[in-house]
Structures are given as structure tokens and as C-alpha cells.
Amino acid sequence: MKIGNVTLPNRTVLGPMAGVTDLPFRLLCKEQGAGLVVMEMISAKAITYHNYKTKELMKTDPAEAPVSLQLFGHEPEVIAEAAGMIDGEPFDILDLNMGCPVPKVVNNGDGSALMKDPTLIEKIVHSAVTASSRPVTVKLRKGWSSESVNVTECALAAQEGGASAVAVHGRTRPQMYSGTADWECIRDVVNALDIPVIGNGDVSDGPSAKAMLDETGCDAVMIGRAARGNPWIFREVNHYLDTGTECEKAGKREIVQMILRHASLMKQIKGERIGIQEMRGHAAWYLQGFPGASKLRAAINTVSTFDELEEFLRREFPYKTGSI
């Protein structure tokens, strides 16, 4: 699959998730076979203000390429300014978020609120395409509401503005992440556009990825929540798409080793205090399904150093930690 001049090695994409798809997690997903990884969304306005925390969010590593940097904002001139300011940064694709349903985002006119105005979508995309040397993509939802399902119109506007691809999440803004994703709207976008379409929503394993590709005709699948605590999902999906068979899922030993590897990267990249603190949430996802998972998560929430985490895991799983 190609997005502009960027070639993806396969048809899987790690979707952007605030507080999740940071550099350490993206590296792990890339190691497990993600064809494209997308950063946490970044405020275009914050970039123009030279915000320090925003610079931290933009950190990349050559090992994760190709990587997409996602901006959000609703003012074409601000998007253009931000895109120009970051054009020298080491990322491969510039993505524009027009699907985030979180109230603090949409109440400011950003995210999925932009789907109320397809004309503005075209202007924003055009401003980014003009200012950036990277391919520009757009993330959309099914619609602003059940009464306003206009993703095809919005996707056509993005294409007209110069987008190289669009990703479509098959839920409306009020649905957030509940209920069942509507893949039919993804198929409608595929049939209407000339550029690649990435399908998003309810892909949780190899069979569901294959079903989405078959039922919608989309060019790739985007995996978000199903990847939390499960970077192996990309290995599993790619194996299924290549062979038609399911590969063995990660066992407890591999999971515990991954927690330590993940924590080590967090410490290395973010520093021990912040890294281990943020690792607590990731550890909770990794441990879902373990016997006594709630007690394990509560105990991990008390650790504050890498050594404490390692000691805890070696104590709880003495034959499973091995080396990292």
C-alpha cells in the first residue's frame, strides 16, 4: 500500500490514542509488525506557541518508520503555520484529526466537529498540503451524529483538498467507542474516492481484519483500542492475512517479558519517574485476563521505579520473566 510517496510494508496501521501511542509503545508495535504507526494527536496551535510538552510528543525514532504525525485544529491558517514549522521533523506522513469525539476537543470546534462543515475540511486539508512536503491524510468518523452521517461528503472534501488517504472510523461522534462499528459507511467511502481508505472500528484479531478488508474493500485496517496491552495483534493480523490461519497468541511469559521491555523503554525515553508512572496504565492492559488481575494492577500502581516493577513481576511470575 502507498500513501503518497510513502510505501507501507503491510496493511496494518496503529491508530492514534492520547496517552497510549507514545514513542515507546509505537516502537513495540512496529517490532510486532505494524505497517504504519500514528503519534498521539498534537495541537497545531500549541506548535505555533513553541510548547515544550508538544515537542516531547513529537519525538520519533528511525526504527519506527514510517510514522505519521497527527495534528488537530480548526483554523486553516494555524494548520498551515504548524505544518510549515514542523516540516523539518523526522516523520513520514502528516495526519489531520477530524474524528476525535472527546468533548473538550469538539467543544473548541476541533476533531469531529469539523464534520459539520465539509467546506472547511477542504480548506484545512489544502492549507496543510500547501505547507507540508509530506503526504497529508485525514481521520474521520461516520458522522457528527446519527442525523448527520456525511462521512462520504467529508472524505470527498478531503480528497479535493489534496489528501493522499483517509481513515474512517465507523461510529458517529455520540457513539464514542460504544456499540458496533458500521463498516458499510467505510465501503461507501471506498467506492466514492480515488485515494486509499483505511478502515477503523472493531478490528480485534486476524479474522476481523480480513472481514473488514473483504466487506469494505478498504486498503488497510487501523487498530486502536485492541492494541492496548497487546502489540502482538499486528503480528497476529499480518500472519492471518498472509496465511489464512491464526498464529499462537502471546503466553504469560511473553506478556510479562513485554511489560519489562516496555517499562525499560519508558524509563529510557521519559525518565524513570514519569516513565514508570505512565507504565502503570499500560501494565493494567497487559494483565487483563490474568488470574487475580485486579489485585495485580493494584499492586503495580504502588511501584515507582523500574527495579520495584521488575522485583514485583519476578516475585509474582518467577519462571516467566527471564531476561528483557
C-alpha atoms as a PDB file:
ATOM      1  CA  MET A   1       0.000   0.000   0.000  1.00  0.00           C
ATOM      2  CA  LYS A   2       1.210   3.517  -0.818  1.00  0.00           C
ATOM      3  CA  ILE A   3       0.201   6.817   0.766  1.00  0.00           C
ATOM      4  CA  GLY A   4       1.577   9.487  -1.499  1.00  0.00           C
ATOM      5  CA  ASN A   5       5.265   8.646  -1.864  1.00  0.00           C
ATOM      6  CA  VAL A   6       5.338   6.522   1.313  1.00  0.00           C
ATOM      7  CA  THR A   7       5.170   2.750   0.933  1.00  0.00           C
ATOM      8  CA  LEU A   8       3.720   0.720   3.807  1.00  0.00           C
ATOM      9  CA  PRO A   9       5.146  -2.786   4.247  1.00  0.00           C
ATOM     10  CA  ASN A  10       1.715  -4.258   5.017  1.00  0.00           C
ATOM     11  CA  ARG A  11      -1.947  -3.316   5.549  1.00  0.00           C
ATOM     12  CA  THR A  12      -1.975  -2.653   9.300  1.00  0.00           C
ATOM     13  CA  VAL A  13      -1.947   0.760  10.995  1.00  0.00           C
ATOM     14  CA  LEU A  14      -1.629   1.591  14.688  1.00  0.00           C
ATOM     15  CA  GLY A  15      -4.304   4.216  15.335  1.00  0.00           C
ATOM     16  CA  PRO A  16      -3.549   7.361  17.358  1.00  0.00           C
ATOM     17  CA  MET A  17      -4.584   7.250  21.015  1.00  0.00           C
ATOM     18  CA  ALA A  18      -3.898  10.013  23.517  1.00  0.00           C
ATOM     19  CA  GLY A  19      -1.765   8.738  26.370  1.00  0.00           C
ATOM     20  CA  VAL A  20      -1.118   5.450  24.590  1.00  0.00           C
ATOM     21  CA  THR A  21       0.665   5.766  21.240  1.00  0.00           C
ATOM     22  CA  ASP A  22       3.777   7.436  22.577  1.00  0.00           C
ATOM     23  CA  LEU A  23       7.253   6.598  21.267  1.00  0.00           C
ATOM     24  CA  PRO A  24       7.889   3.512  23.455  1.00  0.00           C
ATOM     25  CA  PHE A  25       4.575   1.889  22.552  1.00  0.00           C
ATOM     26  CA  ARG A  26       4.934   2.735  18.854  1.00  0.00           C
ATOM     27  CA  LEU A  27       8.350   1.065  18.800  1.00  0.00           C
ATOM     28  CA  LEU A  28       6.904  -2.113  20.307  1.00  0.00           C
ATOM     29  CA  CYS A  29       4.020  -2.177  17.817  1.00  0.00           C
ATOM     30  CA  LYS A  30       6.462  -1.622  14.958  1.00  0.00           C
ATOM     31  CA  GLU A  31       8.590  -4.535  16.203  1.00  0.00           C
ATOM     32  CA  GLN A  32       5.462  -6.705  16.129  1.00  0.00           C
ATOM     33  CA  GLY A  33       4.678  -5.775  12.538  1.00  0.00           C
ATOM     34  CA  ALA A  34       2.621  -2.558  12.397  1.00  0.00           C
ATOM     35  CA  GLY A  35       2.890  -1.229   8.862  1.00  0.00           C
ATOM     36  CA  LEU A  36       2.340   2.389   9.939  1.00  0.00           C
ATOM     37  CA  VAL A  37       2.255   3.913  13.407  1.00  0.00           C
ATOM     38  CA  VAL A  38       0.495   7.170  14.266  1.00  0.00           C
ATOM     39  CA  MET A  39       1.508   9.502  17.082  1.00  0.00           C
ATOM     40  CA  GLU A  40      -0.763  10.923  19.759  1.00  0.00           C
ATOM     41  CA  MET A  41      -2.655  13.885  18.328  1.00  0.00           C
ATOM     42  CA  ILE A  42      -0.911  17.243  18.748  1.00  0.00           C
ATOM     43  CA  SER A  43      -2.449  20.695  18.873  1.00  0.00           C
ATOM     44  CA  ALA A  44      -1.467  22.765  15.838  1.00  0.00           C
ATOM     45  CA  LYS A  45      -1.872  25.915  17.923  1.00  0.00           C
ATOM     46  CA  ALA A  46       0.457  24.543  20.614  1.00  0.00           C
ATOM     47  CA  ILE A  47       3.128  24.020  17.961  1.00  0.00           C
ATOM     48  CA  THR A  48       2.882  27.655  16.906  1.00  0.00           C
ATOM     49  CA  TYR A  49       3.309  28.606  20.576  1.00  0.00           C
ATOM     50  CA  HIS A  50       6.524  26.511  20.783  1.00  0.00           C
ATOM     51  CA  ASN A  51       5.046  24.477  23.640  1.00  0.00           C
ATOM     52  CA  TYR A  52       7.686  22.266  25.334  1.00  0.00           C
ATOM     53  CA  LYS A  53       5.321  19.371  26.041  1.00  0.00           C
ATOM     54  CA  THR A  54       4.312  19.368  22.386  1.00  0.00           C
ATOM     55  CA  LYS A  55       7.944  18.988  21.350  1.00  0.00           C
ATOM     56  CA  GLU A  56       8.181  15.952  23.617  1.00  0.00           C
ATOM     57  CA  LEU A  57       5.134  14.406  21.905  1.00  0.00           C
ATOM     58  CA  MET A  58       6.843  14.808  18.525  1.00  0.00           C
ATOM     59  CA  LYS A  59       9.870  12.673  19.409  1.00  0.00           C
ATOM     60  CA  THR A  60      10.458   9.882  16.890  1.00  0.00           C
ATOM     61  CA  ASP A  61      12.948   7.090  16.291  1.00  0.00           C
ATOM     62  CA  PRO A  62      14.220   5.863  12.900  1.00  0.00           C
ATOM     63  CA  ALA A  63      13.229   2.324  13.933  1.00  0.00           C
ATOM     64  CA  GLU A  64       9.509   3.174  13.866  1.00  0.00           C
ATOM     65  CA  ALA A  65       9.373   4.475  10.296  1.00  0.00           C
ATOM     66  CA  PRO A  66       7.060   5.004   8.567  1.00  0.00           C
ATOM     67  CA  VAL A  67       5.425   7.158  11.245  1.00  0.00           C
ATOM     68  CA  SER A  68       2.545   9.616  10.949  1.00  0.00           C
ATOM     69  CA  LEU A  69       2.326  12.833  12.968  1.00  0.00           C
ATOM     70  CA  GLN A  70      -1.256  13.841  13.720  1.00  0.00           C
ATOM     71  CA  LEU A  71      -2.387  17.449  14.161  1.00  0.00           C
ATOM     72  CA  PHE A  72      -5.719  18.789  15.332  1.00  0.00           C
ATOM     73  CA  GLY A  73      -7.141  22.264  14.882  1.00  0.00           C
ATOM     74  CA  HIS A  74      -9.894  24.085  13.018  1.00  0.00           C
ATOM     75  CA  GLU A  75      -8.177  27.167  11.581  1.00  0.00           C
ATOM     76  CA  PRO A  76      -6.605  26.654   8.136  1.00  0.00           C
ATOM     77  CA  GLU A  77      -4.002  29.356   8.705  1.00  0.00           C
ATOM     78  CA  VAL A  78      -2.898  27.834  12.018  1.00  0.00           C
ATOM     79  CA  ILE A  79      -2.725  24.347  10.499  1.00  0.00           C
ATOM     80  CA  ALA A  80      -0.612  25.752   7.667  1.00  0.00           C
ATOM     81  CA  GLU A  81       1.719  27.573  10.054  1.00  0.00           C
ATOM     82  CA  ALA A  82       2.169  24.494  12.236  1.00  0.00           C
ATOM     83  CA  ALA A  83       2.716  22.223   9.226  1.00  0.00           C
ATOM     84  CA  GLY A  84       5.397  24.557   7.927  1.00  0.00           C
ATOM     85  CA  MET A  85       7.115  24.785  11.320  1.00  0.00           C
ATOM     86  CA  ILE A  86       7.420  21.011  11.712  1.00  0.00           C
ATOM     87  CA  ASP A  87       8.254  20.188   8.119  1.00  0.00           C
ATOM     88  CA  GLY A  88      11.876  19.524   9.037  1.00  0.00           C
ATOM     89  CA  GLU A  89      10.967  16.999  11.739  1.00  0.00           C
ATOM     90  CA  PRO A  90      11.650  13.287  11.037  1.00  0.00           C
ATOM     91  CA  PHE A  91       8.184  11.919  10.304  1.00  0.00           C
ATOM     92  CA  ASP A  92       6.761  10.476   7.091  1.00  0.00           C
ATOM     93  CA  ILE A  93       3.068  11.419   6.893  1.00  0.00           C
ATOM     94  CA  LEU A  94       1.068  14.375   8.226  1.00  0.00           C
ATOM     95  CA  ASP A  95      -2.359  13.354   9.502  1.00  0.00           C
ATOM     96  CA  LEU A  96      -5.230  15.697  10.356  1.00  0.00           C
ATOM     97  CA  ASN A  97      -7.637  14.633  13.098  1.00  0.00           C
ATOM     98  CA  MET A  98     -11.253  15.289  12.184  1.00  0.00           C
ATOM     99  CA  GLY A  99     -12.727  12.398  14.125  1.00  0.00           C
ATOM    100  CA  CYS A 100     -11.918  12.848  17.814  1.00  0.00           C
ATOM    101  CA  PRO A 101     -15.224  12.782  19.777  1.00  0.00           C
ATOM    102  CA  VAL A 102     -13.916  13.983  23.162  1.00  0.00           C
ATOM    103  CA  PRO A 103     -15.987  16.958  24.427  1.00  0.00           C
ATOM    104  CA  LYS A 104     -13.028  19.214  25.283  1.00  0.00           C
ATOM    105  CA  VAL A 105     -11.849  18.824  21.682  1.00  0.00           C
ATOM    106  CA  VAL A 106     -15.145  19.141  19.808  1.00  0.00           C
ATOM    107  CA  ASN A 107     -16.352  21.997  22.030  1.00  0.00           C
ATOM    108  CA  ASN A 108     -13.469  24.037  20.654  1.00  0.00           C
ATOM    109  CA  GLY A 109     -14.501  23.281  17.071  1.00  0.00           C
ATOM    110  CA  ASP A 110     -11.802  20.650  16.538  1.00  0.00           C
ATOM    111  CA  GLY A 111     -11.892  16.893  15.904  1.00  0.00           C
ATOM    112  CA  SER A 112     -15.217  15.525  14.706  1.00  0.00           C
ATOM    113  CA  ALA A 113     -16.827  18.983  15.000  1.00  0.00           C
ATOM    114  CA  LEU A 114     -15.199  19.705  11.640  1.00  0.00           C
ATOM    115  CA  MET A 115     -17.517  17.186  10.011  1.00  0.00           C
ATOM    116  CA  LYS A 116     -20.303  19.747  10.347  1.00  0.00           C
ATOM    117  CA  ASP A 117     -18.571  21.794   7.637  1.00  0.00           C
ATOM    118  CA  PRO A 118     -17.113  19.844   4.686  1.00  0.00           C
ATOM    119  CA  THR A 119     -16.130  23.116   3.001  1.00  0.00           C
ATOM    120  CA  LEU A 120     -13.882  23.927   5.959  1.00  0.00           C
ATOM    121  CA  ILE A 121     -12.398  20.421   5.778  1.00  0.00           C
ATOM    122  CA  GLU A 122     -11.330  21.058   2.197  1.00  0.00           C
ATOM    123  CA  LYS A 123      -9.756  24.393   3.166  1.00  0.00           C
ATOM    124  CA  ILE A 124      -7.861  22.887   6.113  1.00  0.00           C
ATOM    125  CA  VAL A 125      -6.536  19.979   4.052  1.00  0.00           C
ATOM    126  CA  HIS A 126      -5.495  22.297   1.249  1.00  0.00           C
ATOM    127  CA  SER A 127      -3.649  24.542   3.705  1.00  0.00           C
ATOM    128  CA  ALA A 128      -1.745  21.565   5.113  1.00  0.00           C
ATOM    129  CA  VAL A 129      -0.925  20.147   1.677  1.00  0.00           C
ATOM    130  CA  THR A 130       0.380  23.532   0.558  1.00  0.00           C
ATOM    131  CA  ALA A 131       2.582  23.960   3.643  1.00  0.00           C
ATOM    132  CA  SER A 132       3.909  20.420   4.033  1.00  0.00           C
ATOM    133  CA  SER A 133       6.287  18.359   1.923  1.00  0.00           C
ATOM    134  CA  ARG A 134       4.750  15.160   3.360  1.00  0.00           C
ATOM    135  CA  PRO A 135       1.652  13.311   2.176  1.00  0.00           C
ATOM    136  CA  VAL A 136      -1.393  14.564   4.112  1.00  0.00           C
ATOM    137  CA  THR A 137      -4.057  12.179   5.403  1.00  0.00           C
ATOM    138  CA  VAL A 138      -7.310  12.742   7.276  1.00  0.00           C
ATOM    139  CA  LYS A 139      -9.006  10.798  10.106  1.00  0.00           C
ATOM    140  CA  LEU A 140     -12.831  10.911  10.016  1.00  0.00           C
ATOM    141  CA  ARG A 141     -15.825   9.327  11.747  1.00  0.00           C
ATOM    142  CA  LYS A 142     -19.118   8.098  10.353  1.00  0.00           C
ATOM    143  CA  GLY A 143     -20.659  11.476  11.113  1.00  0.00           C
ATOM    144  CA  TRP A 144     -21.262  14.209  13.647  1.00  0.00           C
ATOM    145  CA  SER A 145     -24.461  12.469  14.750  1.00  0.00           C
ATOM    146  CA  SER A 146     -26.892   9.758  13.649  1.00  0.00           C
ATOM    147  CA  GLU A 147     -28.877  12.530  11.932  1.00  0.00           C
ATOM    148  CA  SER A 148     -25.764  13.768  10.152  1.00  0.00           C
ATOM    149  CA  VAL A 149     -23.994  10.796   8.594  1.00  0.00           C
ATOM    150  CA  ASN A 150     -21.914  12.581   5.991  1.00  0.00           C
ATOM    151  CA  VAL A 151     -18.549  10.838   6.034  1.00  0.00           C
ATOM    152  CA  THR A 152     -18.558  10.332   2.272  1.00  0.00           C
ATOM    153  CA  GLU A 153     -19.099  14.042   1.676  1.00  0.00           C
ATOM    154  CA  CYS A 154     -16.351  14.897   4.147  1.00  0.00           C
ATOM    155  CA  ALA A 155     -13.978  12.356   2.619  1.00  0.00           C
ATOM    156  CA  LEU A 156     -14.597  13.778  -0.849  1.00  0.00           C
ATOM    157  CA  ALA A 157     -13.845  17.238   0.530  1.00  0.00           C
ATOM    158  CA  ALA A 158     -10.574  15.942   1.975  1.00  0.00           C
ATOM    159  CA  GLN A 159      -9.670  14.366  -1.364  1.00  0.00           C
ATOM    160  CA  GLU A 160     -10.497  17.605  -3.166  1.00  0.00           C
ATOM    161  CA  GLY A 161      -8.223  19.449  -0.753  1.00  0.00           C
ATOM    162  CA  GLY A 162      -5.341  17.202  -1.724  1.00  0.00           C
ATOM    163  CA  ALA A 163      -5.376  14.414   0.871  1.00  0.00           C
ATOM    164  CA  SER A 164      -3.391  11.309  -0.041  1.00  0.00           C
ATOM    165  CA  ALA A 165      -5.571   8.957   2.054  1.00  0.00           C
ATOM    166  CA  VAL A 166      -8.391   8.989   4.598  1.00  0.00           C
ATOM    167  CA  ALA A 167      -9.118   6.801   7.608  1.00  0.00           C
ATOM    168  CA  VAL A 168     -12.756   6.197   8.551  1.00  0.00           C
ATOM    169  CA  HIS A 169     -13.978   5.096  11.980  1.00  0.00           C
ATOM    170  CA  GLY A 170     -17.402   3.510  11.571  1.00  0.00           C
ATOM    171  CA  ARG A 171     -19.022   5.225  14.562  1.00  0.00           C
ATOM    172  CA  THR A 172     -20.648   8.631  14.975  1.00  0.00           C
ATOM    173  CA  ARG A 173     -19.376  11.176  17.491  1.00  0.00           C
ATOM    174  CA  PRO A 174     -22.064  10.449  20.128  1.00  0.00           C
ATOM    175  CA  GLN A 175     -21.278   6.733  19.959  1.00  0.00           C
ATOM    176  CA  MET A 176     -17.716   7.452  21.088  1.00  0.00           C
ATOM    177  CA  TYR A 177     -16.374   3.858  21.211  1.00  0.00           C
ATOM    178  CA  SER A 178     -19.585   2.059  22.160  1.00  0.00           C
ATOM    179  CA  GLY A 179     -21.840  -0.182  20.125  1.00  0.00           C
ATOM    180  CA  THR A 180     -20.871  -1.805  16.858  1.00  0.00           C
ATOM    181  CA  ALA A 181     -18.898  -0.017  14.159  1.00  0.00           C
ATOM    182  CA  ASP A 182     -20.714   0.454  10.842  1.00  0.00           C
ATOM    183  CA  TRP A 183     -18.464  -0.922   8.124  1.00  0.00           C
ATOM    184  CA  GLU A 184     -20.965  -0.072   5.393  1.00  0.00           C
ATOM    185  CA  CYS A 185     -20.070   3.614   5.639  1.00  0.00           C
ATOM    186  CA  ILE A 186     -16.418   2.655   5.116  1.00  0.00           C
ATOM    187  CA  ARG A 187     -17.397   0.783   1.953  1.00  0.00           C
ATOM    188  CA  ASP A 188     -19.327   3.845   0.744  1.00  0.00           C
ATOM    189  CA  VAL A 189     -16.211   5.977   1.131  1.00  0.00           C
ATOM    190  CA  VAL A 190     -14.074   3.391  -0.655  1.00  0.00           C
ATOM    191  CA  ASN A 191     -16.492   3.406  -3.589  1.00  0.00           C
ATOM    192  CA  ALA A 192     -16.544   7.207  -3.774  1.00  0.00           C
ATOM    193  CA  LEU A 193     -12.831   8.009  -3.514  1.00  0.00           C
ATOM    194  CA  ASP A 194      -9.802   7.583  -5.763  1.00  0.00           C
ATOM    195  CA  ILE A 195      -7.298   7.667  -2.877  1.00  0.00           C
ATOM    196  CA  PRO A 196      -6.598   4.884  -0.339  1.00  0.00           C
ATOM    197  CA  VAL A 197      -9.062   4.371   2.508  1.00  0.00           C
ATOM    198  CA  ILE A 198      -8.099   2.932   5.899  1.00  0.00           C
ATOM    199  CA  GLY A 199     -10.905   1.230   7.819  1.00  0.00           C
ATOM    200  CA  ASN A 200     -11.205   1.618  11.581  1.00  0.00           C
ATOM    201  CA  GLY A 201     -13.542   0.108  14.158  1.00  0.00           C
ATOM    202  CA  ASP A 202     -13.931  -3.341  15.745  1.00  0.00           C
ATOM    203  CA  VAL A 203     -10.784  -4.912  14.315  1.00  0.00           C
ATOM    204  CA  SER A 204      -9.549  -7.080  17.169  1.00  0.00           C
ATOM    205  CA  ASP A 205      -7.804 -10.031  15.512  1.00  0.00           C
ATOM    206  CA  GLY A 206      -6.867 -11.596  12.190  1.00  0.00           C
ATOM    207  CA  PRO A 207     -10.352 -12.788  11.191  1.00  0.00           C
ATOM    208  CA  SER A 208     -11.965  -9.416  11.899  1.00  0.00           C
ATOM    209  CA  ALA A 209      -9.224  -7.616   9.948  1.00  0.00           C
ATOM    210  CA  LYS A 210      -9.765  -9.930   6.971  1.00  0.00           C
ATOM    211  CA  ALA A 211     -13.539  -9.443   7.236  1.00  0.00           C
ATOM    212  CA  MET A 212     -13.197  -5.652   7.170  1.00  0.00           C
ATOM    213  CA  LEU A 213     -10.898  -5.744   4.163  1.00  0.00           C
ATOM    214  CA  ASP A 214     -13.245  -8.106   2.313  1.00  0.00           C
ATOM    215  CA  GLU A 215     -16.510  -6.409   3.240  1.00  0.00           C
ATOM    216  CA  THR A 216     -15.440  -2.810   2.670  1.00  0.00           C
ATOM    217  CA  GLY A 217     -12.692  -3.033   0.067  1.00  0.00           C
ATOM    218  CA  CYS A 218     -10.553  -0.718   2.193  1.00  0.00           C
ATOM    219  CA  ASP A 219      -6.811  -0.642   1.595  1.00  0.00           C
ATOM    220  CA  ALA A 220      -5.667  -1.143   5.195  1.00  0.00           C
ATOM    221  CA  VAL A 221      -7.060  -1.613   8.695  1.00  0.00           C
ATOM    222  CA  MET A 222      -6.428   0.725  11.608  1.00  0.00           C
ATOM    223  CA  ILE A 223      -6.187  -0.874  15.038  1.00  0.00           C
ATOM    224  CA  GLY A 224      -6.582   1.240  18.159  1.00  0.00           C
ATOM    225  CA  ARG A 225      -8.020   0.014  21.457  1.00  0.00           C
ATOM    226  CA  ALA A 226      -7.385  -3.659  20.640  1.00  0.00           C
ATOM    227  CA  ALA A 227      -3.643  -2.907  20.617  1.00  0.00           C
ATOM    228  CA  ARG A 228      -3.541  -1.610  24.201  1.00  0.00           C
ATOM    229  CA  GLY A 229      -1.510  -4.115  26.173  1.00  0.00           C
ATOM    230  CA  ASN A 230      -1.396  -6.223  23.018  1.00  0.00           C
ATOM    231  CA  PRO A 231       1.236  -5.094  20.490  1.00  0.00           C
ATOM    232  CA  TRP A 232       1.226  -8.706  19.220  1.00  0.00           C
ATOM    233  CA  ILE A 233      -2.059  -8.020  17.451  1.00  0.00           C
ATOM    234  CA  PHE A 234      -0.098  -6.749  14.454  1.00  0.00           C
ATOM    235  CA  ARG A 235       1.880  -9.985  14.275  1.00  0.00           C
ATOM    236  CA  GLU A 236      -1.364 -11.956  14.527  1.00  0.00           C
ATOM    237  CA  VAL A 237      -3.221  -9.915  11.889  1.00  0.00           C
ATOM    238  CA  ASN A 238      -0.360  -9.990   9.399  1.00  0.00           C
ATOM    239  CA  HIS A 239       0.031 -13.742   9.867  1.00  0.00           C
ATOM    240  CA  TYR A 240      -3.674 -14.310   9.284  1.00  0.00           C
ATOM    241  CA  LEU A 241      -3.765 -12.088   6.195  1.00  0.00           C
ATOM    242  CA  ASP A 242      -0.725 -13.892   4.787  1.00  0.00           C
ATOM    243  CA  THR A 243      -1.703 -17.475   5.608  1.00  0.00           C
ATOM    244  CA  GLY A 244      -5.413 -17.591   6.459  1.00  0.00           C
ATOM    245  CA  THR A 245      -4.552 -19.245   9.764  1.00  0.00           C
ATOM    246  CA  GLU A 246      -4.278 -17.861  13.283  1.00  0.00           C
ATOM    247  CA  CYS A 247      -0.879 -17.893  14.930  1.00  0.00           C
ATOM    248  CA  GLU A 248      -0.309 -18.689  18.582  1.00  0.00           C
ATOM    249  CA  LYS A 249      -1.187 -15.814  20.887  1.00  0.00           C
ATOM    250  CA  ALA A 250       1.321 -14.421  23.352  1.00  0.00           C
ATOM    251  CA  GLY A 251       1.551 -16.525  26.513  1.00  0.00           C
ATOM    252  CA  LYS A 252       2.003 -15.264  30.044  1.00  0.00           C
ATOM    253  CA  ARG A 253       5.791 -15.498  29.861  1.00  0.00           C
ATOM    254  CA  GLU A 254       5.918 -13.352  26.723  1.00  0.00           C
ATOM    255  CA  ILE A 255       3.454 -10.872  28.219  1.00  0.00           C
ATOM    256  CA  VAL A 256       5.492 -10.428  31.410  1.00  0.00           C
ATOM    257  CA  GLN A 257       8.674 -10.033  29.384  1.00  0.00           C
ATOM    258  CA  MET A 258       6.949  -7.403  27.244  1.00  0.00           C
ATOM    259  CA  ILE A 259       5.871  -5.457  30.339  1.00  0.00           C
ATOM    260  CA  LEU A 260       9.515  -5.275  31.378  1.00  0.00           C
ATOM    261  CA  ARG A 261      10.673  -4.361  27.873  1.00  0.00           C
ATOM    262  CA  HIS A 262       8.005  -1.676  27.662  1.00  0.00           C
ATOM    263  CA  ALA A 263       8.918  -0.314  31.104  1.00  0.00           C
ATOM    264  CA  SER A 264      12.595  -0.268  30.151  1.00  0.00           C
ATOM    265  CA  LEU A 265      11.825   1.831  27.074  1.00  0.00           C
ATOM    266  CA  MET A 266       9.624   4.163  29.136  1.00  0.00           C
ATOM    267  CA  LYS A 267      12.451   4.687  31.620  1.00  0.00           C
ATOM    268  CA  GLN A 268      14.995   5.216  28.850  1.00  0.00           C
ATOM    269  CA  ILE A 269      12.905   7.677  26.834  1.00  0.00           C
ATOM    270  CA  LYS A 270      10.900   9.533  29.514  1.00  0.00           C
ATOM    271  CA  GLY A 271      12.991   9.140  32.636  1.00  0.00           C
ATOM    272  CA  GLU A 272      12.250   6.757  35.475  1.00  0.00           C
ATOM    273  CA  ARG A 273       9.751   8.804  37.486  1.00  0.00           C
ATOM    274  CA  ILE A 274       7.439   9.732  34.615  1.00  0.00           C
ATOM    275  CA  GLY A 275       8.084   6.574  32.647  1.00  0.00           C
ATOM    276  CA  ILE A 276       7.174   4.139  35.409  1.00  0.00           C
ATOM    277  CA  GLN A 277       4.217   6.247  36.497  1.00  0.00           C
ATOM    278  CA  GLU A 278       2.795   6.162  32.957  1.00  0.00           C
ATOM    279  CA  MET A 279       3.671   2.486  32.659  1.00  0.00           C
ATOM    280  CA  ARG A 280       1.087   1.606  35.327  1.00  0.00           C
ATOM    281  CA  GLY A 281      -1.784   2.088  32.890  1.00  0.00           C
ATOM    282  CA  HIS A 282      -0.083   0.008  30.207  1.00  0.00           C
ATOM    283  CA  ALA A 283       0.621  -2.751  32.733  1.00  0.00           C
ATOM    284  CA  ALA A 284      -3.081  -2.895  33.618  1.00  0.00           C
ATOM    285  CA  TRP A 285      -3.922  -3.569  29.976  1.00  0.00           C
ATOM    286  CA  TYR A 286      -1.217  -6.240  29.649  1.00  0.00           C
ATOM    287  CA  LEU A 287      -2.534  -8.053  32.722  1.00  0.00           C
ATOM    288  CA  GLN A 288      -6.169  -8.245  31.632  1.00  0.00           C
ATOM    289  CA  GLY A 289      -7.229 -11.877  31.738  1.00  0.00           C
ATOM    290  CA  PHE A 290      -4.603 -12.909  34.267  1.00  0.00           C
ATOM    291  CA  PRO A 291      -5.883 -14.686  37.409  1.00  0.00           C
ATOM    292  CA  GLY A 292      -6.248 -12.066  40.138  1.00  0.00           C
ATOM    293  CA  ALA A 293      -5.697  -9.270  37.594  1.00  0.00           C
ATOM    294  CA  SER A 294      -7.355  -6.603  39.750  1.00  0.00           C
ATOM    295  CA  LYS A 295      -5.008  -7.318  42.668  1.00  0.00           C
ATOM    296  CA  LEU A 296      -2.006  -7.369  40.356  1.00  0.00           C
ATOM    297  CA  ARG A 297      -2.991  -3.995  38.896  1.00  0.00           C
ATOM    298  CA  ALA A 298      -3.496  -2.512  42.361  1.00  0.00           C
ATOM    299  CA  ALA A 299      -0.046  -3.693  43.411  1.00  0.00           C
ATOM    300  CA  ILE A 300       1.615  -2.302  40.270  1.00  0.00           C
ATOM    301  CA  ASN A 301       0.011   1.071  40.951  1.00  0.00           C
ATOM    302  CA  THR A 302       2.258   1.323  44.019  1.00  0.00           C
ATOM    303  CA  VAL A 303       5.584   0.849  42.242  1.00  0.00           C
ATOM    304  CA  SER A 304       7.626   3.926  41.397  1.00  0.00           C
ATOM    305  CA  THR A 305      10.904   2.542  39.997  1.00  0.00           C
ATOM    306  CA  PHE A 306      11.869   0.051  37.345  1.00  0.00           C
ATOM    307  CA  ASP A 307      13.596  -2.129  39.926  1.00  0.00           C
ATOM    308  CA  GLU A 308      10.424  -2.259  42.024  1.00  0.00           C
ATOM    309  CA  LEU A 309       8.382  -3.284  38.984  1.00  0.00           C
ATOM    310  CA  GLU A 310      10.896  -5.939  37.982  1.00  0.00           C
ATOM    311  CA  GLU A 311      11.078  -7.296  41.517  1.00  0.00           C
ATOM    312  CA  PHE A 312       7.281  -7.471  41.718  1.00  0.00           C
ATOM    313  CA  LEU A 313       6.966  -9.325  38.421  1.00  0.00           C
ATOM    314  CA  ARG A 314       9.754 -11.764  39.285  1.00  0.00           C
ATOM    315  CA  ARG A 315       8.059 -12.465  42.600  1.00  0.00           C
ATOM    316  CA  GLU A 316       4.618 -12.994  41.048  1.00  0.00           C
ATOM    317  CA  PHE A 317       5.876 -14.853  37.953  1.00  0.00           C
ATOM    318  CA  PRO A 318       9.233 -16.403  38.971  1.00  0.00           C
ATOM    319  CA  TYR A 319       9.505 -18.656  35.915  1.00  0.00           C
ATOM    320  CA  LYS A 320       8.163 -16.216  33.354  1.00  0.00           C
ATOM    321  CA  THR A 321      10.261 -13.057  33.471  1.00  0.00           C
ATOM    322  CA  GLY A 322      13.536 -14.296  32.045  1.00  0.00           C
ATOM    323  CA  SER A 323      15.710 -11.569  30.539  1.00  0.00           C
ATOM    324  CA  ILE A 324      14.453  -8.453  28.828  1.00  0.00           C
END
